[in-house]
Protein backbone atom coordinates (compact mmCIF):
# COMPACT_ATOMS: atom_id res chain seq x y z
CA MET A 1 -17.52 51.76 -5.08
CA LYS A 2 -18.90 55.31 -4.90
CA VAL A 3 -18.74 58.09 -7.56
CA ALA A 4 -19.36 61.76 -7.21
CA ILE A 5 -20.73 63.78 -10.04
CA VAL A 6 -20.01 67.33 -9.82
CA ASN A 7 -21.73 70.02 -11.91
CA THR A 8 -21.86 73.84 -11.60
CA TRP A 9 -25.08 74.51 -10.03
CA ARG A 10 -28.57 72.99 -9.99
CA GLY A 11 -29.89 74.77 -13.03
CA GLY A 12 -29.06 75.43 -16.36
CA ALA A 13 -28.16 73.74 -19.67
CA VAL A 14 -25.47 71.08 -18.24
CA TYR A 15 -27.71 69.92 -15.28
CA TYR A 16 -30.62 69.53 -17.83
CA ILE A 17 -28.43 66.60 -19.54
CA SER A 18 -26.50 65.37 -16.42
CA HIS A 19 -29.25 65.21 -13.86
CA PRO A 20 -31.38 62.83 -15.63
CA ILE A 21 -28.44 60.72 -16.23
CA TYR A 22 -27.64 60.77 -12.59
CA GLU A 23 -31.14 59.47 -11.51
CA TYR A 24 -30.91 56.68 -14.28
CA LEU A 25 -27.52 55.52 -12.86
CA LYS A 26 -28.71 55.77 -9.54
CA GLU A 27 -31.63 53.45 -10.20
CA HIS A 28 -30.01 50.85 -12.57
CA CYS A 29 -26.38 50.76 -11.56
CA LYS A 30 -26.57 49.10 -8.27
CA ASP A 31 -22.84 48.25 -7.76
CA ILE A 32 -21.94 51.78 -7.99
CA GLU A 33 -23.20 54.53 -5.43
CA PHE A 34 -23.68 57.86 -7.21
CA THR A 35 -23.95 61.20 -5.29
CA TYR A 36 -24.80 64.47 -7.29
CA LEU A 37 -22.87 67.60 -6.01
CA THR A 38 -22.80 71.16 -7.36
CA VAL A 39 -19.69 73.64 -7.16
CA ARG A 40 -22.14 76.17 -5.73
CA GLU A 41 -23.24 73.68 -2.73
CA ILE A 42 -19.45 72.70 -1.97
CA GLU A 43 -18.34 76.48 -1.82
CA LEU A 44 -21.27 77.18 0.79
CA THR A 45 -20.24 74.13 2.93
CA PRO A 46 -17.86 74.80 5.64
CA GLY A 47 -15.42 72.19 5.84
CA PHE A 48 -16.29 70.07 2.90
CA ASP A 49 -13.52 67.53 1.69
CA LYS A 50 -12.44 68.94 -1.40
CA SER A 51 -9.90 65.72 -1.68
CA PHE A 52 -12.97 63.69 -2.23
CA SER A 53 -11.20 60.99 -0.18
CA GLU A 54 -14.38 59.01 0.61
CA TYR A 55 -15.29 58.38 -3.10
CA ASP A 56 -13.20 56.14 -5.79
CA LEU A 57 -14.00 58.63 -8.72
CA VAL A 58 -14.92 61.92 -9.45
CA HIS A 59 -16.61 63.18 -12.53
CA PHE A 60 -16.74 66.89 -13.53
CA THR A 61 -19.74 67.65 -15.89
CA TYR A 62 -17.64 70.78 -16.82
CA PHE A 63 -14.10 70.28 -17.18
CA LEU A 64 -12.79 73.51 -16.08
CA ASN A 65 -14.78 73.11 -12.90
CA ALA A 66 -11.87 70.47 -11.96
CA ALA A 67 -9.53 73.42 -11.49
CA SER A 68 -11.00 74.54 -8.03
CA PHE A 69 -10.16 71.02 -6.99
CA MET A 70 -6.86 70.07 -8.10
CA GLU A 71 -4.75 71.19 -5.49
CA ASP A 72 -6.86 68.94 -3.01
CA LEU A 73 -8.02 66.10 -4.87
CA LEU A 74 -6.61 62.80 -4.00
CA VAL A 75 -8.71 60.27 -6.26
CA PRO A 76 -8.98 59.80 -10.09
CA PHE A 77 -11.30 61.95 -12.19
CA THR A 78 -13.31 62.03 -15.37
CA CYS A 79 -14.81 65.26 -16.92
CA GLN A 80 -16.61 66.39 -19.86
CA VAL A 81 -15.84 68.74 -22.72
CA HIS A 82 -18.86 70.36 -24.51
CA HIS A 83 -17.29 72.59 -27.28
CA PHE A 84 -14.29 74.97 -27.48
CA GLY A 85 -14.79 78.49 -28.11
CA ALA A 86 -12.59 79.76 -31.27
CA GLY A 87 -9.08 79.74 -30.43
CA SER A 88 -9.34 77.96 -27.09
CA GLU A 89 -8.37 74.77 -28.21
CA GLU A 90 -4.76 74.86 -27.67
CA LEU A 91 -5.13 76.36 -24.06
CA TYR A 92 -7.55 73.90 -22.94
CA SER A 93 -6.13 70.78 -24.55
CA ALA A 94 -2.82 71.85 -22.82
CA GLN A 95 -4.79 71.90 -19.47
CA LEU A 96 -6.23 68.59 -19.87
CA ARG A 97 -2.97 66.87 -21.07
CA GLN A 98 -1.56 68.34 -17.72
CA TRP A 99 -4.39 66.96 -15.50
CA SER A 100 -4.41 63.67 -17.41
CA PRO A 101 -8.07 62.82 -16.43
CA GLU A 102 -9.08 59.02 -16.81
CA ARG A 103 -11.67 59.63 -19.42
CA ILE A 104 -12.71 62.72 -21.21
CA VAL A 105 -16.16 62.71 -22.63
CA VAL A 106 -17.56 64.95 -25.46
CA PRO A 107 -21.02 64.93 -27.31
CA GLU A 108 -19.98 64.51 -30.68
CA THR A 109 -17.02 63.81 -33.22
CA PHE A 110 -15.73 67.14 -33.98
CA VAL A 111 -14.45 67.67 -30.27
CA GLN A 112 -13.17 64.38 -30.12
CA ARG A 113 -11.12 65.09 -33.37
CA GLN A 114 -9.73 68.55 -32.04
CA LEU A 115 -8.67 66.98 -28.93
CA GLY A 116 -6.94 64.13 -30.67
CA GLN A 117 -5.02 66.65 -32.81
CA ARG A 118 -3.76 67.96 -29.70
CA SER A 119 -2.41 64.60 -28.67
CA VAL A 120 -5.24 64.38 -25.79
CA ALA A 121 -6.06 60.78 -25.07
CA ARG A 122 -8.72 58.58 -23.74
CA VAL A 123 -11.45 60.65 -25.22
CA VAL A 124 -15.06 59.07 -25.62
CA ASN A 125 -18.16 60.08 -27.49
CA ILE A 126 -21.23 60.09 -25.60
CA PRO A 127 -24.10 62.27 -26.96
CA TYR A 128 -26.64 64.21 -24.82
CA ALA A 129 -29.89 63.11 -23.82
CA PHE A 130 -32.54 65.01 -21.77
CA ASP A 131 -36.35 64.42 -20.38
CA HIS A 132 -38.26 64.59 -23.59
CA THR A 133 -41.42 64.21 -21.80
CA PRO A 134 -42.57 68.13 -21.61
CA PHE A 135 -42.33 68.52 -25.32
CA LYS A 136 -45.54 67.85 -27.28
CA PRO A 137 -46.46 68.57 -30.69
CA THR A 138 -48.93 71.17 -31.46
CA THR A 139 -50.61 72.52 -34.43
CA TYR A 140 -48.92 75.36 -36.47
CA ASN A 141 -50.16 79.02 -36.68
CA GLU A 142 -51.23 79.96 -40.33
CA GLU A 143 -48.48 82.66 -40.49
CA PHE A 144 -44.95 80.99 -41.15
CA LYS A 145 -42.80 82.33 -38.37
CA VAL A 146 -39.07 81.10 -37.23
CA GLY A 147 -37.73 81.25 -33.97
CA PHE A 148 -34.34 80.74 -32.20
CA LEU A 149 -33.45 81.21 -28.78
CA GLY A 150 -30.46 81.34 -26.49
CA CYS A 151 -28.02 83.50 -24.52
CA ASP A 152 -28.04 86.28 -27.03
CA GLY A 153 -24.19 86.93 -27.76
CA GLU A 154 -21.62 86.57 -30.38
CA ALA A 155 -21.23 82.87 -30.34
CA LYS A 156 -24.93 82.40 -31.24
CA ARG A 157 -24.87 84.59 -34.19
CA PHE A 158 -28.43 85.67 -33.89
CA ASP A 159 -27.51 88.60 -36.46
CA VAL A 160 -27.13 86.11 -38.89
CA ILE A 161 -30.49 84.77 -38.68
CA ARG A 162 -32.17 88.48 -38.30
CA LYS A 163 -30.50 89.64 -41.54
CA ALA A 164 -31.37 86.34 -43.58
CA CYS A 165 -34.99 86.60 -42.40
CA ALA A 166 -35.07 90.30 -43.69
CA ASN A 167 -33.64 89.02 -47.05
CA ALA A 168 -36.19 86.49 -47.37
CA GLY A 169 -39.09 88.53 -45.83
CA VAL A 170 -39.99 86.14 -43.25
CA LYS A 171 -41.05 86.83 -39.81
CA TYR A 172 -39.11 85.92 -36.73
CA ARG A 173 -39.16 85.61 -33.05
CA ASP A 174 -36.08 85.58 -30.83
CA PHE A 175 -36.03 84.38 -27.13
CA ASP A 176 -32.99 85.32 -25.02
CA ARG A 177 -32.95 82.61 -22.57
CA ASN A 178 -31.09 84.51 -19.90
CA THR A 179 -28.40 81.66 -19.56
CA LYS A 180 -25.77 83.84 -18.41
CA ASN A 181 -26.53 82.94 -14.78
CA GLU A 182 -28.27 79.54 -15.15
CA GLU A 183 -28.78 78.98 -11.57
CA VAL A 184 -31.30 81.62 -11.17
CA ASP A 185 -32.28 83.16 -14.52
CA TYR A 186 -33.04 80.18 -16.68
CA LEU A 187 -36.52 80.55 -18.30
CA ASP A 188 -39.45 78.69 -16.76
CA GLN A 189 -40.27 75.78 -18.94
CA GLU A 190 -43.92 76.96 -19.82
CA GLU A 191 -42.32 79.94 -21.48
CA ILE A 192 -40.26 77.88 -23.63
CA LEU A 193 -42.92 75.60 -24.65
CA GLU A 194 -45.20 78.41 -25.59
CA PHE A 195 -42.31 79.90 -27.54
CA TYR A 196 -42.06 76.52 -29.60
CA ASP A 197 -45.87 76.70 -30.18
CA ASP A 198 -45.84 80.08 -31.76
CA ILE A 199 -43.25 79.00 -34.34
CA SER A 200 -43.15 77.11 -37.45
CA CYS A 201 -39.34 76.30 -37.84
CA TYR A 202 -36.22 76.60 -35.46
CA VAL A 203 -33.23 77.99 -36.71
CA CYS A 204 -29.44 77.55 -35.35
CA SER A 205 -26.54 79.58 -36.63
CA SER A 206 -24.23 78.89 -34.10
CA TRP A 207 -20.80 77.18 -34.46
CA THR A 208 -19.93 76.38 -30.85
CA ASP A 209 -22.23 74.00 -29.30
CA GLY A 210 -22.23 70.65 -28.08
CA GLY A 211 -25.91 69.71 -28.91
CA PRO A 212 -27.28 71.99 -29.18
CA LEU A 213 -30.53 71.58 -27.46
CA PRO A 214 -33.20 73.66 -28.44
CA PRO A 215 -33.37 72.43 -32.07
CA GLN A 216 -34.14 68.89 -30.56
CA GLU A 217 -36.61 70.34 -28.26
CA ALA A 218 -38.27 72.18 -31.14
CA LEU A 219 -38.18 68.74 -33.17
CA LEU A 220 -40.22 67.20 -30.42
CA CYS A 221 -42.62 69.74 -30.57
CA GLY A 222 -43.23 68.97 -34.22
CA ARG A 223 -41.00 71.98 -35.57
CA SER A 224 -38.59 71.61 -38.31
CA VAL A 225 -35.16 72.80 -38.04
CA ILE A 226 -32.47 74.91 -40.13
CA THR A 227 -29.07 74.60 -38.71
CA THR A 228 -25.46 74.82 -39.12
CA PRO A 229 -23.82 71.66 -39.19
CA VAL A 230 -22.90 72.20 -35.49
CA GLY A 231 -22.51 69.78 -32.55
CA MET A 232 -24.83 66.65 -32.84
CA MET A 233 -26.73 68.45 -35.60
CA PRO A 234 -24.92 66.53 -38.46
CA MET A 235 -25.28 63.03 -36.76
CA LEU A 236 -29.14 63.77 -36.35
CA ALA A 237 -29.67 65.10 -39.80
CA GLU A 238 -27.98 61.90 -41.43
CA GLN A 239 -30.66 59.70 -39.48
CA HIS A 240 -33.28 58.20 -41.60
CA GLY A 241 -36.62 59.83 -40.97
CA LEU A 242 -35.20 62.45 -38.83
CA GLY A 243 -33.06 64.00 -41.61
CA ASN A 244 -36.26 64.67 -43.44
CA TRP A 245 -36.80 67.75 -40.79
CA ILE A 246 -33.29 69.08 -40.38
CA VAL A 247 -31.88 71.17 -42.97
CA THR A 248 -28.32 72.19 -42.81
CA TYR A 249 -26.69 75.28 -44.32
CA ASP A 250 -23.25 76.84 -44.42
CA GLY A 251 -23.59 79.56 -41.98
CA SER A 252 -23.85 82.57 -44.26
CA VAL A 253 -26.87 84.79 -44.61
CA ASN A 254 -27.38 84.25 -48.15
CA GLU A 255 -27.46 80.42 -47.83
CA LEU A 256 -29.89 80.78 -44.70
CA ALA A 257 -32.02 83.18 -46.64
CA LYS A 258 -32.48 80.63 -49.50
CA LYS A 259 -33.17 77.70 -47.12
CA LEU A 260 -35.78 80.06 -45.30
CA THR A 261 -37.29 80.72 -48.65
CA TYR A 262 -37.78 77.30 -49.52
CA THR A 263 -39.15 76.22 -46.12
CA LYS A 264 -41.76 79.08 -46.08
CA GLY A 265 -42.79 77.71 -49.50
CA TRP A 266 -43.16 74.08 -48.39
CA PHE A 267 -45.00 75.19 -45.12
CA ALA A 268 -47.48 77.23 -47.38
CA GLY A 269 -47.95 74.06 -49.60
CA MET A 270 -48.53 71.93 -46.75
CA GLN A 271 -51.04 74.17 -45.11
CA GLY A 272 -54.02 72.47 -46.83
CA ASP A 273 -53.50 69.28 -45.16
CA ASP A 274 -54.53 68.32 -41.83
CA PRO A 275 -52.77 70.43 -39.34
CA GLU A 276 -52.28 67.98 -36.72
CA VAL A 277 -50.54 65.54 -39.24
CA MET A 278 -47.02 67.37 -39.87
CA PRO A 279 -46.27 68.11 -36.29
CA GLU A 280 -47.17 64.68 -35.30
CA ALA A 281 -45.03 63.15 -37.88
CA ILE A 282 -41.96 65.29 -36.97
CA ALA A 283 -42.47 64.71 -33.16
CA MET A 284 -42.68 60.99 -33.94
CA GLU A 285 -39.41 60.79 -35.65
CA ALA A 286 -37.84 62.81 -32.95
CA ARG A 287 -38.80 60.78 -30.32
CA ARG A 288 -37.70 57.42 -32.26
CA CYS A 289 -34.36 59.01 -33.07
CA LEU A 290 -33.11 61.58 -30.72
CA PRO A 291 -30.72 59.59 -27.92
CA SER A 292 -32.99 58.66 -24.87
CA VAL A 293 -31.83 58.93 -21.08
CA LYS A 294 -31.95 54.94 -21.01
CA MET A 295 -29.58 54.67 -24.01
CA VAL A 296 -27.11 57.45 -23.11
CA GLY A 297 -27.49 56.29 -19.34
CA GLU A 298 -26.36 52.73 -20.33
CA ARG A 299 -23.18 54.36 -22.12
CA TRP A 300 -22.43 56.08 -18.97
CA LYS A 301 -22.82 53.12 -16.84
CA ASP A 302 -20.68 51.18 -19.20
CA LEU A 303 -18.01 54.06 -18.79
CA PHE A 304 -18.00 54.37 -15.17
CA THR A 305 -17.78 50.66 -14.53
CA GLU A 306 -14.85 50.38 -17.11
CA VAL A 307 -13.00 52.94 -15.42
CA LEU A 308 -13.47 51.75 -11.89
CA GLU A 309 -12.46 48.33 -12.96
CA GLU A 310 -9.40 49.44 -14.34
CA LEU A 311 -8.57 51.71 -11.01
CA GLU A 312 -8.83 48.67 -9.07
């Protein structure tokens, strides 16, 4: 049996969570032959067979990429929906109902519920996983500073964080991750690690994210997190141990300012302790609780096996 995993390009957030799973499946799922392709590579390959006739199943890591192949595709497919932008749910749900993929994979239950409310069936919840090894806990700087990163746009609501920091008298470091073209502009990993090293706490203000991934990276670096209940964050905040280091808020400037003031006070009271103890404690819980490539890879292995058995 042969499965093609099709991502947009070799770089960026979806590559970051899909390629490690591909590598895991290639090693641990011997009954299925996996191939990792990108839309960009396919576009640049003259005569590429867009019907995917040599495969038994195609998986699109971003569901809208399927649109480029619908006229030619001759085999069943699965796809991922990471999140919906405000107001796009009905349009995209109608498209998914028309295409009728064998499975739709989402990273958390809110998107699953949105699809279910619009009569989109066969939706499976599998959380994100990524390579944790680059992220190590480091000691804090003496001055309390919050950080936030991403593609600085309306969806990330960085203006809320900046206003809340001003109200709370808290310093911040913002970092545009330049993700508009993730294939060529994605920031170097060393720059990201230096960013986490420089902050005391990570803040997320988005209402439109699947993971999100930066708060999870920050936890692995020993930084606590203040976040809206977006994506996987509620699930992680409820876990014993890890929930001690994830504080959720209602998305407003006033509520975030209160959480920042509280966290700044906690940080000041903790400074007399061994500076290496707290980052390591947070990172240890993150390593224990965050979904691993192995755990998530097994979920994907079961999914592809199940779908292929149904198609036989």
